[in-house]
């Protein structure tokens, strides 16, 4: 009887150990999945070196000259000095990263966290900027062609030159006004969205909220 009880106990311990191992493996796999899918908002800092300087020249002139009293001697000298300074400027930017590796665009980030309405709004804004950017490029090209054509006339075609100059300036203004943005959402909005998404992901995987 004791032998049977001992055998049953060993069997139960074996089964429990298998279950514990399976649970540990499942928990580890869940954590791996969370690390691959979690989103972080990171600050990226770079240091840019800048150098500025100037050169000053000094000249003196001496030469032979003939005078009633005889000859006099002179020479010319030109020398310069260089002055400059180097400074380092810090440039910071923030990025959204998934899984610690892949950088996300604003639209990708919004689609992942489920804010499709905001993503569509940004896409429309980007499309508008691209269209106006093409108009700006076209104005610049036609303006340059017009200026070159006006300069080919003798005398210069002033009206065509004015039109070309206006087109160039208009293209520059449109290009500046509708230049692409680095981000279309604010950093604090991105951080809040990332936090809420990560919490939902942990709950979906059955992980504690404090899991990092």
N, C-alpha and C. Protein backbone atom coordinates (compact mmCIF):
# COMPACT_ATOMS: atom_id res chain seq x y z
N UNK A 1 0.84 -1.20 0.00
CA UNK A 1 0.00 0.00 0.00
C UNK A 1 0.88 1.27 0.00
N UNK A 2 1.91 1.26 0.84
CA UNK A 2 2.81 2.40 0.90
C UNK A 2 3.51 2.62 -0.44
N UNK A 3 3.81 1.50 -1.09
CA UNK A 3 4.48 1.61 -2.40
C UNK A 3 3.56 2.29 -3.41
N UNK A 4 2.28 1.93 -3.36
CA UNK A 4 1.32 2.52 -4.30
C UNK A 4 1.17 4.03 -4.03
N UNK A 5 1.08 4.38 -2.74
CA UNK A 5 0.93 5.80 -2.37
C UNK A 5 2.16 6.59 -2.81
N UNK A 6 3.35 6.00 -2.60
CA UNK A 6 4.57 6.67 -3.00
C UNK A 6 4.61 6.87 -4.52
N UNK A 7 4.18 5.85 -5.28
CA UNK A 7 4.18 5.94 -6.74
C UNK A 7 3.20 7.00 -7.22
N UNK A 8 2.03 7.05 -6.59
CA UNK A 8 1.04 8.07 -6.96
C UNK A 8 1.57 9.47 -6.65
N UNK A 9 2.26 9.61 -5.53
CA UNK A 9 2.83 10.92 -5.14
C UNK A 9 3.87 11.38 -6.15
N UNK A 10 4.74 10.44 -6.54
CA UNK A 10 5.75 10.78 -7.53
C UNK A 10 5.12 11.18 -8.86
N UNK A 11 4.08 10.46 -9.21
CA UNK A 11 3.38 10.76 -10.48
C UNK A 11 2.76 12.15 -10.44
N UNK A 12 2.13 12.48 -9.32
CA UNK A 12 1.51 13.80 -9.18
C UNK A 12 2.57 14.90 -9.20
N UNK A 13 3.69 14.67 -8.54
CA UNK A 13 4.77 15.65 -8.56
C UNK A 13 5.30 15.85 -9.97
N UNK A 14 5.40 14.78 -10.72
CA UNK A 14 5.87 14.85 -12.09
C UNK A 14 4.91 15.67 -12.95
N UNK A 15 3.61 15.39 -12.77
CA UNK A 15 2.60 16.14 -13.53
C UNK A 15 2.64 17.62 -13.17
N UNK A 16 2.78 17.92 -11.88
CA UNK A 16 2.83 19.31 -11.44
C UNK A 16 4.07 20.04 -11.99
N UNK A 17 5.19 19.31 -12.03
CA UNK A 17 6.41 19.93 -12.56
C UNK A 17 6.27 20.22 -14.05
N UNK A 18 5.60 19.32 -14.78
CA UNK A 18 5.37 19.57 -16.20
C UNK A 18 4.47 20.80 -16.40
N UNK A 19 3.44 20.89 -15.57
CA UNK A 19 2.54 22.03 -15.67
C UNK A 19 3.26 23.34 -15.34
N UNK A 20 4.12 23.29 -14.32
CA UNK A 20 4.87 24.49 -13.94
C UNK A 20 5.81 24.93 -15.06
N UNK A 21 6.46 23.93 -15.69
CA UNK A 21 7.36 24.24 -16.80
C UNK A 21 6.60 24.85 -17.96
N UNK A 22 5.42 24.27 -18.25
CA UNK A 22 4.60 24.79 -19.34
C UNK A 22 4.14 26.21 -19.06
N UNK A 23 3.73 26.46 -17.81
CA UNK A 23 3.29 27.80 -17.44
C UNK A 23 4.45 28.80 -17.53
N UNK A 24 5.63 28.38 -17.09
CA UNK A 24 6.80 29.26 -17.16
C UNK A 24 7.15 29.59 -18.60
N UNK A 25 7.09 28.55 -19.47
CA UNK A 25 7.37 28.80 -20.88
C UNK A 25 6.34 29.73 -21.49
N UNK A 26 5.05 29.54 -21.15
CA UNK A 26 3.99 30.39 -21.67
C UNK A 26 4.18 31.83 -21.21
N UNK A 27 4.52 32.02 -19.95
CA UNK A 27 4.74 33.36 -19.42
C UNK A 27 5.93 34.03 -20.12
N UNK A 28 6.98 33.28 -20.36
CA UNK A 28 8.16 33.81 -21.05
C UNK A 28 7.81 34.20 -22.48
N UNK A 29 7.03 33.36 -23.15
CA UNK A 29 6.64 33.66 -24.52
C UNK A 29 5.75 34.90 -24.59
N UNK A 30 4.90 35.08 -23.60
CA UNK A 30 4.05 36.27 -23.55
C UNK A 30 4.89 37.53 -23.38
N UNK A 31 5.90 37.43 -22.52
CA UNK A 31 6.77 38.59 -22.31
C UNK A 31 7.56 38.92 -23.58
N UNK A 32 8.00 37.88 -24.29
CA UNK A 32 8.70 38.11 -25.55
C UNK A 32 7.78 38.80 -26.56
N UNK A 33 6.54 38.33 -26.64
CA UNK A 33 5.59 38.94 -27.57
C UNK A 33 5.33 40.40 -27.20
N UNK A 34 5.23 40.66 -25.90
CA UNK A 34 5.02 42.04 -25.47
C UNK A 34 6.20 42.93 -25.85
N UNK A 35 7.41 42.43 -25.65
CA UNK A 35 8.59 43.22 -25.99
C UNK A 35 8.67 43.50 -27.49
N UNK A 36 8.20 42.56 -28.30
CA UNK A 36 8.23 42.77 -29.75
C UNK A 36 7.18 43.78 -30.21
N UNK A 37 6.08 43.90 -29.46
CA UNK A 37 4.97 44.75 -29.90
C UNK A 37 4.84 46.07 -29.15
N UNK A 38 5.50 46.22 -28.02
CA UNK A 38 5.32 47.44 -27.24
C UNK A 38 5.89 48.65 -27.98
N UNK A 39 5.34 49.81 -27.67
CA UNK A 39 5.73 51.06 -28.33
C UNK A 39 6.36 51.98 -27.29
N UNK A 40 7.46 52.60 -27.67
CA UNK A 40 8.14 53.54 -26.80
C UNK A 40 8.33 54.86 -27.53
N UNK A 41 8.28 55.95 -26.78
CA UNK A 41 8.59 57.27 -27.32
C UNK A 41 9.95 57.66 -26.75
N UNK A 42 10.94 57.80 -27.62
CA UNK A 42 12.31 58.03 -27.20
C UNK A 42 12.80 59.39 -27.69
N UNK A 43 13.68 59.98 -26.93
CA UNK A 43 14.32 61.24 -27.31
C UNK A 43 15.69 60.93 -27.87
N UNK A 44 15.95 61.43 -29.06
CA UNK A 44 17.23 61.19 -29.73
C UNK A 44 18.01 62.51 -29.77
N UNK A 45 19.23 62.48 -29.28
CA UNK A 45 20.06 63.68 -29.19
C UNK A 45 21.32 63.52 -30.03
N UNK A 46 21.64 64.55 -30.77
CA UNK A 46 22.87 64.57 -31.59
C UNK A 46 23.61 65.87 -31.32
N UNK A 47 24.93 65.82 -31.50
CA UNK A 47 25.76 66.99 -31.32
C UNK A 47 26.39 67.37 -32.66
N UNK A 48 26.15 68.60 -33.08
CA UNK A 48 26.61 69.09 -34.38
C UNK A 48 27.71 70.12 -34.16
N UNK A 49 28.85 69.91 -34.80
CA UNK A 49 29.96 70.86 -34.68
C UNK A 49 29.87 71.94 -35.74
N UNK A 50 30.11 73.17 -35.33
CA UNK A 50 30.07 74.30 -36.25
C UNK A 50 31.36 75.09 -36.12
N UNK A 51 31.92 75.49 -37.25
CA UNK A 51 33.17 76.25 -37.26
C UNK A 51 32.97 77.56 -38.02
N UNK A 52 33.42 78.65 -37.45
CA UNK A 52 33.35 79.95 -38.10
C UNK A 52 34.71 80.63 -37.96
N UNK A 53 35.04 81.50 -38.91
CA UNK A 53 36.33 82.18 -38.85
C UNK A 53 36.44 83.27 -39.89
N UNK A 54 37.55 83.98 -39.85
CA UNK A 54 37.80 85.04 -40.81
C UNK A 54 39.30 85.17 -41.01
N UNK A 55 39.68 85.80 -42.11
CA UNK A 55 41.09 86.04 -42.45
C UNK A 55 41.31 87.53 -42.66
N UNK A 56 42.33 88.08 -42.04
CA UNK A 56 42.68 89.49 -42.24
C UNK A 56 44.02 89.57 -42.95
N UNK A 57 44.13 90.50 -43.90
CA UNK A 57 45.34 90.68 -44.69
C UNK A 57 45.97 92.02 -44.37
N UNK A 58 47.29 92.04 -44.35
CA UNK A 58 48.05 93.27 -44.15
C UNK A 58 49.10 93.36 -45.26
N UNK A 59 49.25 94.53 -45.84
CA UNK A 59 50.18 94.68 -46.96
C UNK A 59 51.06 95.92 -46.75
N UNK A 60 52.30 95.81 -47.19
CA UNK A 60 53.21 96.96 -47.19
C UNK A 60 54.02 96.92 -48.48
N UNK A 61 54.41 98.06 -48.98
CA UNK A 61 55.05 98.15 -50.29
C UNK A 61 56.33 98.99 -50.19
N UNK A 62 57.47 98.39 -50.61
CA UNK A 62 58.75 99.10 -50.66
C UNK A 62 59.37 98.82 -52.02
N UNK A 63 60.01 99.79 -52.64
CA UNK A 63 60.58 99.58 -53.97
C UNK A 63 61.78 100.52 -54.22
N UNK A 64 62.56 100.18 -55.29
CA UNK A 64 63.65 101.07 -55.73
C UNK A 64 63.06 102.25 -56.47
N UNK A 65 63.53 103.39 -56.13
CA UNK A 65 63.13 104.60 -56.87
C UNK A 65 64.38 105.44 -57.17
N UNK A 66 64.32 106.17 -58.28
CA UNK A 66 65.45 107.03 -58.68
C UNK A 66 65.12 108.47 -58.29
N UNK A 67 66.00 109.02 -57.57
CA UNK A 67 65.85 110.41 -57.12
C UNK A 67 67.08 111.20 -57.57
N UNK A 68 67.01 112.50 -57.53
CA UNK A 68 68.20 113.29 -57.90
C UNK A 68 69.39 112.97 -57.02
N UNK A 69 69.14 112.50 -55.82
CA UNK A 69 70.24 112.20 -54.93
C UNK A 69 70.80 110.79 -55.14
N UNK A 70 70.08 109.93 -55.86
CA UNK A 70 70.56 108.57 -56.05
C UNK A 70 69.41 107.57 -56.07
N UNK A 71 69.67 106.34 -55.58
CA UNK A 71 68.67 105.29 -55.57
C UNK A 71 68.16 105.07 -54.14
N UNK A 72 66.90 104.66 -54.07
CA UNK A 72 66.33 104.22 -52.78
C UNK A 72 65.71 102.85 -52.97
N UNK A 73 65.67 102.05 -51.93
CA UNK A 73 65.23 100.65 -52.02
C UNK A 73 63.93 100.45 -51.25
N UNK A 74 63.11 99.61 -51.80
CA UNK A 74 61.86 99.25 -51.10
C UNK A 74 61.45 97.84 -51.44
N UNK A 75 60.52 97.25 -50.70
CA UNK A 75 60.01 95.89 -50.94
C UNK A 75 58.53 95.84 -50.60
N UNK A 76 57.84 94.81 -51.13
CA UNK A 76 56.41 94.62 -50.87
C UNK A 76 56.21 93.39 -49.99
N UNK A 77 55.31 93.49 -49.07
CA UNK A 77 55.00 92.37 -48.18
C UNK A 77 53.47 92.27 -48.01
N UNK A 78 52.98 91.06 -48.11
CA UNK A 78 51.57 90.80 -47.86
C UNK A 78 51.49 89.60 -46.91
N UNK A 79 50.85 89.74 -45.81
CA UNK A 79 50.71 88.64 -44.86
C UNK A 79 49.31 88.70 -44.25
N UNK A 80 48.88 87.56 -43.79
CA UNK A 80 47.53 87.48 -43.25
C UNK A 80 47.49 86.67 -41.97
N UNK A 81 46.40 86.82 -41.26
CA UNK A 81 46.17 86.06 -40.03
C UNK A 81 44.79 85.42 -40.09
N UNK A 82 44.69 84.21 -39.63
CA UNK A 82 43.42 83.48 -39.60
C UNK A 82 42.92 83.39 -38.17
N UNK A 83 41.67 83.65 -37.99
CA UNK A 83 41.04 83.54 -36.68
C UNK A 83 39.75 82.74 -36.84
N UNK A 84 39.48 81.89 -35.91
CA UNK A 84 38.26 81.09 -35.99
C UNK A 84 37.91 80.47 -34.66
N UNK A 85 36.72 79.91 -34.59
CA UNK A 85 36.29 79.24 -33.39
C UNK A 85 35.37 78.09 -33.76
N UNK A 86 35.35 77.07 -32.93
CA UNK A 86 34.49 75.90 -33.14
C UNK A 86 33.53 75.79 -31.96
N UNK A 87 32.27 75.52 -32.28
CA UNK A 87 31.24 75.35 -31.25
C UNK A 87 30.48 74.06 -31.52
N UNK A 88 29.90 73.52 -30.49
CA UNK A 88 29.09 72.31 -30.60
C UNK A 88 27.66 72.63 -30.20
N UNK A 89 26.72 72.27 -31.08
CA UNK A 89 25.31 72.55 -30.83
C UNK A 89 24.55 71.24 -30.65
N UNK A 90 23.68 71.21 -29.64
CA UNK A 90 22.90 70.00 -29.36
C UNK A 90 21.57 70.06 -30.10
N UNK A 91 21.26 68.99 -30.82
CA UNK A 91 20.00 68.89 -31.57
C UNK A 91 19.23 67.69 -31.04
N UNK A 92 17.99 67.91 -30.63
CA UNK A 92 17.18 66.84 -30.06
C UNK A 92 15.94 66.60 -30.90
N UNK A 93 15.52 65.37 -30.96
CA UNK A 93 14.30 64.99 -31.67
C UNK A 93 13.70 63.78 -30.96
N UNK A 94 12.42 63.55 -31.14
CA UNK A 94 11.79 62.38 -30.52
C UNK A 94 11.22 61.47 -31.60
N UNK A 95 11.25 60.19 -31.30
CA UNK A 95 10.80 59.18 -32.26
C UNK A 95 9.92 58.16 -31.54
N UNK A 96 9.08 57.49 -32.32
CA UNK A 96 8.24 56.40 -31.81
C UNK A 96 8.81 55.09 -32.34
N UNK A 97 9.09 54.18 -31.44
CA UNK A 97 9.76 52.93 -31.80
C UNK A 97 8.92 51.75 -31.33
N UNK A 98 8.79 50.74 -32.18
CA UNK A 98 8.07 49.51 -31.82
C UNK A 98 9.06 48.37 -31.67
N UNK A 99 8.95 47.67 -30.55
CA UNK A 99 9.83 46.54 -30.32
C UNK A 99 11.28 46.93 -30.08
N UNK A 100 11.52 48.19 -29.80
CA UNK A 100 12.88 48.65 -29.55
C UNK A 100 13.73 48.76 -30.79
N UNK A 101 13.15 48.52 -31.98
CA UNK A 101 13.95 48.47 -33.21
C UNK A 101 13.37 49.38 -34.29
N UNK A 102 12.09 49.15 -34.64
CA UNK A 102 11.52 49.80 -35.83
C UNK A 102 10.93 51.15 -35.50
N UNK A 103 11.41 52.17 -36.21
CA UNK A 103 10.86 53.52 -36.02
C UNK A 103 9.55 53.65 -36.78
N UNK A 104 8.56 54.23 -36.13
CA UNK A 104 7.23 54.36 -36.71
C UNK A 104 6.99 55.78 -37.20
N UNK A 105 6.27 55.89 -38.31
CA UNK A 105 5.79 57.20 -38.74
C UNK A 105 4.56 57.56 -37.92
N UNK A 106 4.13 58.80 -38.04
CA UNK A 106 2.94 59.23 -37.29
C UNK A 106 1.73 58.39 -37.66
N UNK A 107 1.55 58.14 -38.95
CA UNK A 107 0.38 57.39 -39.41
C UNK A 107 0.45 55.93 -38.94
N UNK A 108 1.61 55.31 -39.03
CA UNK A 108 1.76 53.93 -38.55
C UNK A 108 1.44 53.85 -37.06
N UNK A 109 1.95 54.81 -36.29
CA UNK A 109 1.70 54.82 -34.85
C UNK A 109 0.21 54.93 -34.56
N UNK A 110 -0.47 55.86 -35.21
CA UNK A 110 -1.90 56.06 -34.97
C UNK A 110 -2.73 54.85 -35.38
N UNK A 111 -2.34 54.20 -36.46
CA UNK A 111 -3.06 52.99 -36.88
C UNK A 111 -2.88 51.86 -35.87
N UNK A 112 -1.70 51.73 -35.30
CA UNK A 112 -1.45 50.67 -34.33
C UNK A 112 -2.25 50.89 -33.05
N UNK A 113 -2.31 52.15 -32.58
CA UNK A 113 -3.03 52.41 -31.33
C UNK A 113 -4.53 52.54 -31.55
N UNK A 114 -4.97 52.50 -32.81
CA UNK A 114 -6.40 52.48 -33.09
C UNK A 114 -7.03 53.83 -33.37
N UNK A 115 -6.25 54.87 -33.54
CA UNK A 115 -6.80 56.21 -33.82
C UNK A 115 -6.80 56.43 -35.33
N UNK A 116 -7.72 55.73 -36.02
CA UNK A 116 -7.79 55.78 -37.47
C UNK A 116 -8.24 57.14 -37.97
N UNK A 117 -9.10 57.81 -37.25
CA UNK A 117 -9.60 59.11 -37.67
C UNK A 117 -8.47 60.13 -37.76
N UNK A 118 -7.62 60.17 -36.74
CA UNK A 118 -6.48 61.08 -36.75
C UNK A 118 -5.49 60.70 -37.85
N UNK A 119 -5.30 59.41 -38.07
CA UNK A 119 -4.39 58.96 -39.13
C UNK A 119 -4.88 59.42 -40.50
N UNK A 120 -6.21 59.32 -40.75
CA UNK A 120 -6.77 59.77 -42.03
C UNK A 120 -6.61 61.28 -42.18
N UNK A 121 -6.79 62.01 -41.09
CA UNK A 121 -6.63 63.47 -41.14
C UNK A 121 -5.20 63.86 -41.51
N UNK A 122 -4.24 63.18 -40.93
CA UNK A 122 -2.83 63.47 -41.24
C UNK A 122 -2.51 63.09 -42.68
N UNK A 123 -3.06 61.97 -43.15
CA UNK A 123 -2.81 61.55 -44.52
C UNK A 123 -3.34 62.58 -45.51
N UNK A 124 -4.51 63.14 -45.23
CA UNK A 124 -5.06 64.19 -46.11
C UNK A 124 -4.16 65.42 -46.09
N UNK A 125 -3.66 65.79 -44.92
CA UNK A 125 -2.75 66.94 -44.83
C UNK A 125 -1.46 66.69 -45.60
N UNK A 126 -0.92 65.48 -45.51
CA UNK A 126 0.30 65.15 -46.24
C UNK A 126 0.07 65.17 -47.75
N UNK A 127 -1.08 64.66 -48.19
CA UNK A 127 -1.40 64.68 -49.62
C UNK A 127 -1.50 66.11 -50.13
N UNK A 128 -2.12 67.00 -49.31
CA UNK A 128 -2.25 68.40 -49.70
C UNK A 128 -0.87 69.06 -49.81
N UNK A 129 0.01 68.78 -48.85
CA UNK A 129 1.36 69.34 -48.90
C UNK A 129 2.12 68.84 -50.12
N UNK A 130 1.93 67.56 -50.47
CA UNK A 130 2.61 67.02 -51.65
C UNK A 130 2.12 67.70 -52.92
N UNK A 131 0.80 67.93 -53.02
CA UNK A 131 0.26 68.59 -54.20
C UNK A 131 0.80 70.02 -54.32
N UNK A 132 0.78 70.75 -53.21
CA UNK A 132 1.27 72.11 -53.25
C UNK A 132 2.78 72.16 -53.48
N UNK A 133 3.47 71.13 -53.00
CA UNK A 133 4.90 71.05 -53.27
C UNK A 133 5.20 70.90 -54.75
N UNK A 134 4.35 70.12 -55.45
CA UNK A 134 4.52 69.97 -56.90
C UNK A 134 4.23 71.29 -57.62
N UNK A 135 3.21 72.02 -57.13
CA UNK A 135 2.94 73.34 -57.70
C UNK A 135 4.14 74.27 -57.48
N UNK A 136 4.72 74.23 -56.29
CA UNK A 136 5.88 75.08 -55.99
C UNK A 136 7.04 74.74 -56.92
N UNK A 137 7.28 73.45 -57.14
CA UNK A 137 8.35 73.03 -58.03
C UNK A 137 8.08 73.50 -59.46
N UNK A 138 6.81 73.37 -59.90
CA UNK A 138 6.46 73.81 -61.24
C UNK A 138 6.65 75.30 -61.42
N UNK A 139 6.23 76.10 -60.41
CA UNK A 139 6.43 77.55 -60.48
C UNK A 139 7.91 77.89 -60.58
N UNK A 140 8.72 77.22 -59.79
CA UNK A 140 10.16 77.48 -59.83
C UNK A 140 10.76 77.18 -61.18
N UNK A 141 10.38 76.03 -61.77
CA UNK A 141 10.94 75.63 -63.07
C UNK A 141 10.52 76.61 -64.16
N UNK A 142 9.22 76.92 -64.21
CA UNK A 142 8.75 77.85 -65.25
C UNK A 142 9.34 79.25 -65.04
N UNK A 143 9.53 79.62 -63.77
CA UNK A 143 10.13 80.92 -63.51
C UNK A 143 11.56 81.00 -64.02
N UNK A 144 12.35 79.95 -63.77
CA UNK A 144 13.74 79.94 -64.25
C UNK A 144 13.78 79.97 -65.77
N UNK A 145 12.91 79.18 -66.41
CA UNK A 145 12.87 79.17 -67.88
C UNK A 145 12.50 80.54 -68.42
N UNK A 146 11.54 81.18 -67.75
CA UNK A 146 11.10 82.51 -68.19
C UNK A 146 12.22 83.54 -68.05
N UNK A 147 12.94 83.48 -66.94
CA UNK A 147 14.05 84.43 -66.73
C UNK A 147 15.15 84.23 -67.76
N UNK A 148 15.49 82.98 -68.02
CA UNK A 148 16.52 82.68 -69.02
C UNK A 148 16.08 83.16 -70.40
N UNK A 149 14.80 82.92 -70.72
CA UNK A 149 14.29 83.37 -72.02
C UNK A 149 14.28 84.88 -72.14
N UNK A 150 13.92 85.58 -71.06
CA UNK A 150 13.91 87.04 -71.09
C UNK A 150 15.31 87.60 -71.25
N UNK A 151 16.30 86.96 -70.61
CA UNK A 151 17.67 87.43 -70.70
C UNK A 151 18.27 87.22 -72.09
N UNK A 152 17.65 86.33 -72.90
CA UNK A 152 18.19 86.05 -74.23
C UNK A 152 17.87 87.17 -75.22
N UNK A 153 16.88 88.00 -74.89
CA UNK A 153 16.52 89.10 -75.78
C UNK A 153 17.48 90.28 -75.61
N UNK A 154 17.63 91.05 -76.66
CA UNK A 154 18.40 92.29 -76.61
C UNK A 154 17.54 93.42 -77.16
N UNK A 155 17.06 94.36 -76.37
CA UNK A 155 17.29 94.43 -74.91
C UNK A 155 16.48 93.37 -74.16
N UNK A 156 16.75 93.25 -72.88
CA UNK A 156 16.10 92.24 -72.06
C UNK A 156 14.60 92.50 -72.01
N UNK A 157 13.81 91.44 -72.18
CA UNK A 157 12.35 91.54 -72.08
C UNK A 157 11.98 91.71 -70.61
N UNK A 158 11.75 92.94 -70.20
CA UNK A 158 11.54 93.24 -68.78
C UNK A 158 10.25 92.62 -68.23
N UNK A 159 9.20 92.60 -69.05
CA UNK A 159 7.92 92.04 -68.57
C UNK A 159 8.06 90.53 -68.34
N UNK A 160 8.71 89.84 -69.25
CA UNK A 160 8.92 88.41 -69.08
C UNK A 160 9.84 88.14 -67.91
N UNK A 161 10.85 89.00 -67.71
CA UNK A 161 11.74 88.85 -66.58
C UNK A 161 10.99 89.01 -65.26
N UNK A 162 10.05 89.98 -65.23
CA UNK A 162 9.26 90.19 -64.02
C UNK A 162 8.36 89.00 -63.73
N UNK A 163 7.76 88.44 -64.78
CA UNK A 163 6.90 87.26 -64.59
C UNK A 163 7.72 86.08 -64.07
N UNK A 164 8.89 85.88 -64.65
CA UNK A 164 9.74 84.77 -64.21
C UNK A 164 10.17 84.93 -62.76
N UNK A 165 10.57 86.14 -62.40
CA UNK A 165 10.98 86.40 -61.02
C UNK A 165 9.83 86.16 -60.05
N UNK A 166 8.63 86.59 -60.43
CA UNK A 166 7.45 86.38 -59.59
C UNK A 166 7.17 84.90 -59.42
N UNK A 167 7.29 84.14 -60.48
CA UNK A 167 7.06 82.69 -60.39
C UNK A 167 8.07 82.03 -59.47
N UNK A 168 9.33 82.44 -59.57
CA UNK A 168 10.37 81.86 -58.71
C UNK A 168 10.09 82.17 -57.25
N UNK A 169 9.78 83.43 -56.95
CA UNK A 169 9.49 83.81 -55.57
C UNK A 169 8.23 83.12 -55.06
N UNK A 170 7.22 83.00 -55.94
CA UNK A 170 6.00 82.29 -55.54
C UNK A 170 6.27 80.82 -55.25
N UNK A 171 7.14 80.20 -56.05
CA UNK A 171 7.49 78.80 -55.81
C UNK A 171 8.22 78.63 -54.49
N UNK A 172 9.14 79.56 -54.18
CA UNK A 172 9.86 79.49 -52.91
C UNK A 172 8.90 79.66 -51.74
N UNK A 173 7.96 80.59 -51.86
CA UNK A 173 6.99 80.82 -50.78
C UNK A 173 6.10 79.60 -50.57
N UNK A 174 5.58 79.03 -51.67
CA UNK A 174 4.74 77.84 -51.54
C UNK A 174 5.52 76.67 -50.95
N UNK A 175 6.77 76.51 -51.40
CA UNK A 175 7.59 75.42 -50.87
C UNK A 175 7.82 75.55 -49.38
N UNK A 176 8.04 76.77 -48.92
CA UNK A 176 8.23 77.00 -47.48
C UNK A 176 6.94 76.79 -46.71
N UNK A 177 5.82 77.29 -47.28
CA UNK A 177 4.53 77.23 -46.58
C UNK A 177 4.02 75.79 -46.45
N UNK A 178 4.28 74.98 -47.46
CA UNK A 178 3.76 73.60 -47.46
C UNK A 178 4.89 72.57 -47.35
N UNK A 179 5.96 72.94 -46.69
CA UNK A 179 7.06 71.99 -46.48
C UNK A 179 6.60 70.85 -45.57
N UNK A 180 7.05 69.62 -45.81
CA UNK A 180 6.66 68.48 -44.95
C UNK A 180 7.09 68.69 -43.51
N UNK A 181 6.27 68.23 -42.58
CA UNK A 181 6.58 68.34 -41.16
C UNK A 181 7.28 67.07 -40.68
N UNK A 182 8.10 67.24 -39.65
CA UNK A 182 8.75 66.07 -39.04
C UNK A 182 7.72 65.22 -38.30
N UNK A 183 6.81 65.89 -37.57
CA UNK A 183 5.73 65.19 -36.87
C UNK A 183 4.44 65.98 -37.02
N UNK A 184 3.34 65.25 -37.09
CA UNK A 184 2.02 65.87 -37.17
C UNK A 184 1.25 65.72 -35.85
N UNK A 185 1.83 65.08 -34.89
CA UNK A 185 1.24 64.95 -33.57
C UNK A 185 2.25 65.44 -32.54
N UNK A 186 1.73 65.83 -31.37
CA UNK A 186 2.60 66.32 -30.31
C UNK A 186 3.22 65.16 -29.54
N UNK A 187 4.36 65.43 -28.95
CA UNK A 187 5.09 64.39 -28.22
C UNK A 187 4.29 63.86 -27.04
N UNK A 188 3.60 64.75 -26.31
CA UNK A 188 2.84 64.28 -25.14
C UNK A 188 1.64 63.43 -25.56
N UNK A 189 1.04 63.76 -26.72
CA UNK A 189 -0.05 62.93 -27.24
C UNK A 189 0.47 61.55 -27.64
N UNK A 190 1.66 61.52 -28.25
CA UNK A 190 2.25 60.23 -28.62
C UNK A 190 2.57 59.39 -27.38
N UNK A 191 3.10 60.03 -26.34
CA UNK A 191 3.43 59.29 -25.11
C UNK A 191 2.17 58.73 -24.46
N UNK A 192 1.11 59.52 -24.41
CA UNK A 192 -0.15 59.05 -23.82
C UNK A 192 -0.72 57.89 -24.62
N UNK A 193 -0.69 58.02 -25.95
CA UNK A 193 -1.19 56.93 -26.79
C UNK A 193 -0.38 55.66 -26.64
N UNK A 194 0.94 55.79 -26.53
CA UNK A 194 1.81 54.62 -26.36
C UNK A 194 1.54 53.94 -25.02
N UNK A 195 1.37 54.74 -23.96
CA UNK A 195 1.10 54.17 -22.63
C UNK A 195 -0.22 53.38 -22.63
N UNK A 196 -1.26 53.97 -23.19
CA UNK A 196 -2.56 53.29 -23.22
C UNK A 196 -2.50 52.02 -24.05
N UNK A 197 -1.79 52.07 -25.17
CA UNK A 197 -1.66 50.88 -26.02
C UNK A 197 -0.91 49.77 -25.29
N UNK A 198 0.17 50.12 -24.61
CA UNK A 198 0.96 49.12 -23.90
C UNK A 198 0.18 48.48 -22.77
N UNK A 199 -0.64 49.26 -22.08
CA UNK A 199 -1.47 48.69 -21.00
C UNK A 199 -2.48 47.70 -21.57
N UNK A 200 -3.13 48.07 -22.67
CA UNK A 200 -4.09 47.16 -23.31
C UNK A 200 -3.39 45.89 -23.79
N UNK A 201 -2.18 46.02 -24.32
CA UNK A 201 -1.43 44.86 -24.80
C UNK A 201 -1.10 43.92 -23.65
N UNK A 202 -0.70 44.46 -22.51
CA UNK A 202 -0.39 43.63 -21.34
C UNK A 202 -1.63 42.87 -20.88
N UNK A 203 -2.76 43.55 -20.82
CA UNK A 203 -4.00 42.89 -20.39
C UNK A 203 -4.42 41.80 -21.37
N UNK A 204 -4.24 42.06 -22.66
CA UNK A 204 -4.60 41.07 -23.67
C UNK A 204 -3.73 39.82 -23.57
N UNK A 205 -2.48 40.00 -23.17
CA UNK A 205 -1.56 38.87 -23.03
C UNK A 205 -1.63 38.23 -21.65
N UNK A 206 -2.39 38.83 -20.75
CA UNK A 206 -2.50 38.29 -19.40
C UNK A 206 -1.27 38.56 -18.54
N UNK A 207 -0.61 39.66 -18.82
CA UNK A 207 0.58 40.02 -18.06
C UNK A 207 0.25 41.11 -17.03
N UNK A 208 1.00 41.18 -15.95
CA UNK A 208 0.80 42.26 -14.97
C UNK A 208 1.03 43.62 -15.61
N UNK A 209 0.30 44.61 -15.15
CA UNK A 209 0.40 45.96 -15.73
C UNK A 209 1.80 46.54 -15.54
N UNK A 210 2.48 46.14 -14.47
CA UNK A 210 3.80 46.68 -14.19
C UNK A 210 4.91 46.02 -15.00
N UNK A 211 4.58 45.10 -15.88
CA UNK A 211 5.59 44.43 -16.71
C UNK A 211 6.31 45.46 -17.59
N UNK A 212 7.63 45.38 -17.63
CA UNK A 212 8.42 46.30 -18.45
C UNK A 212 8.86 45.61 -19.75
